[in-house]
Protein backbone atom coordinates (compact mmCIF):
# COMPACT_ATOMS: atom_id res chain seq x y z
CA MET A 1 -1.67 17.59 7.50
CA THR A 2 1.48 18.01 5.46
CA CYS A 3 4.21 15.55 4.60
CA CYS A 4 6.30 16.87 7.49
CA SER A 5 3.65 16.57 10.20
CA GLY A 6 2.62 13.07 11.10
CA LEU A 7 5.60 11.62 9.27
CA PHE A 8 5.27 8.23 10.95
CA VAL A 9 1.60 7.95 10.06
CA GLN A 10 2.18 8.86 6.45
CA SER A 11 5.20 6.57 6.25
CA GLY A 12 2.95 3.78 7.45
CA TYR A 13 0.45 4.58 4.70
CA PHE A 14 3.22 4.65 2.06
CA ILE A 15 4.70 1.37 3.29
CA GLY A 16 1.33 -0.35 3.66
CA PHE A 17 -0.01 0.71 0.27
CA SER A 18 3.28 -0.18 -1.44
CA THR A 19 3.27 -3.58 0.23
CA VAL A 20 -0.28 -4.37 -0.88
CA LEU A 21 0.38 -3.33 -4.49
CA THR A 22 3.68 -5.21 -4.63
CA THR A 23 2.09 -8.35 -3.17
CA ILE A 24 -0.62 -8.27 -5.83
CA GLU A 25 2.00 -7.73 -8.53
CA VAL A 26 4.11 -10.65 -7.27
CA MET A 27 1.09 -12.95 -7.25
CA LEU A 28 0.07 -11.86 -10.77
CA GLU A 29 3.60 -12.39 -12.06
CA LYS A 30 4.00 -15.77 -10.38
CA TYR A 31 0.60 -17.41 -10.91
CA THR A 32 -0.64 -15.95 -14.20
CA ASP A 33 0.64 -15.21 -17.67
CA LEU A 34 -0.52 -11.59 -17.47
CA ILE A 35 2.92 -10.26 -16.49
CA LYS A 36 6.29 -11.64 -17.53
CA TYR A 37 9.45 -9.79 -16.47
CA ILE A 38 12.92 -10.48 -17.80
CA HIS A 39 14.90 -8.80 -15.01
CA TRP A 40 12.75 -7.97 -12.02
CA ALA A 41 12.68 -8.23 -8.26
CA TRP A 42 9.82 -7.40 -5.92
CA TYR A 43 11.86 -4.81 -4.01
CA ILE A 44 12.29 -2.69 -7.15
CA SER A 45 8.52 -2.32 -7.43
CA TRP A 46 8.18 -1.67 -3.70
CA ILE A 47 10.83 1.06 -3.66
CA THR A 48 9.53 2.80 -6.79
CA ILE A 49 5.95 2.80 -5.49
CA CYS A 50 7.10 4.29 -2.15
CA ILE A 51 9.14 6.97 -3.88
CA SER A 52 6.27 7.77 -6.26
CA LEU A 53 3.81 8.18 -3.39
CA PHE A 54 6.23 10.44 -1.53
CA ILE A 55 6.78 12.63 -4.62
CA VAL A 56 3.02 12.91 -5.17
CA CYS A 57 2.60 13.93 -1.52
CA LEU A 58 5.26 16.62 -1.88
CA PHE A 59 3.63 17.91 -5.06
CA CYS A 60 0.19 18.07 -3.39
CA VAL A 61 1.61 19.98 -0.41
CA TRP A 62 3.38 22.41 -2.73
CA PHE A 63 0.35 22.86 -5.01
CA LEU A 64 -2.15 23.37 -2.19
CA ALA A 65 0.17 25.73 -0.31
CA LYS A 66 0.63 27.80 -3.46
CA GLY A 67 -3.14 28.04 -3.91
CA ASN A 68 -3.69 29.23 -0.31
CA SER A 69 -1.20 32.09 -0.52
């Protein structure tokens, strides 16, 4: 499966994983003193995690395709 095939399934994984990580981060920032941000919003973390996962997926597809040829 590549990033192009099953795009809806992979988008669901990206969105779900990003949501779980962002929720944990929001709870840590709000209820503990472990994280203190000066200028921060939850959607910044969510977007950057989604983009990071997509870039990693593209890299894996490229790397594995290069190894098979």
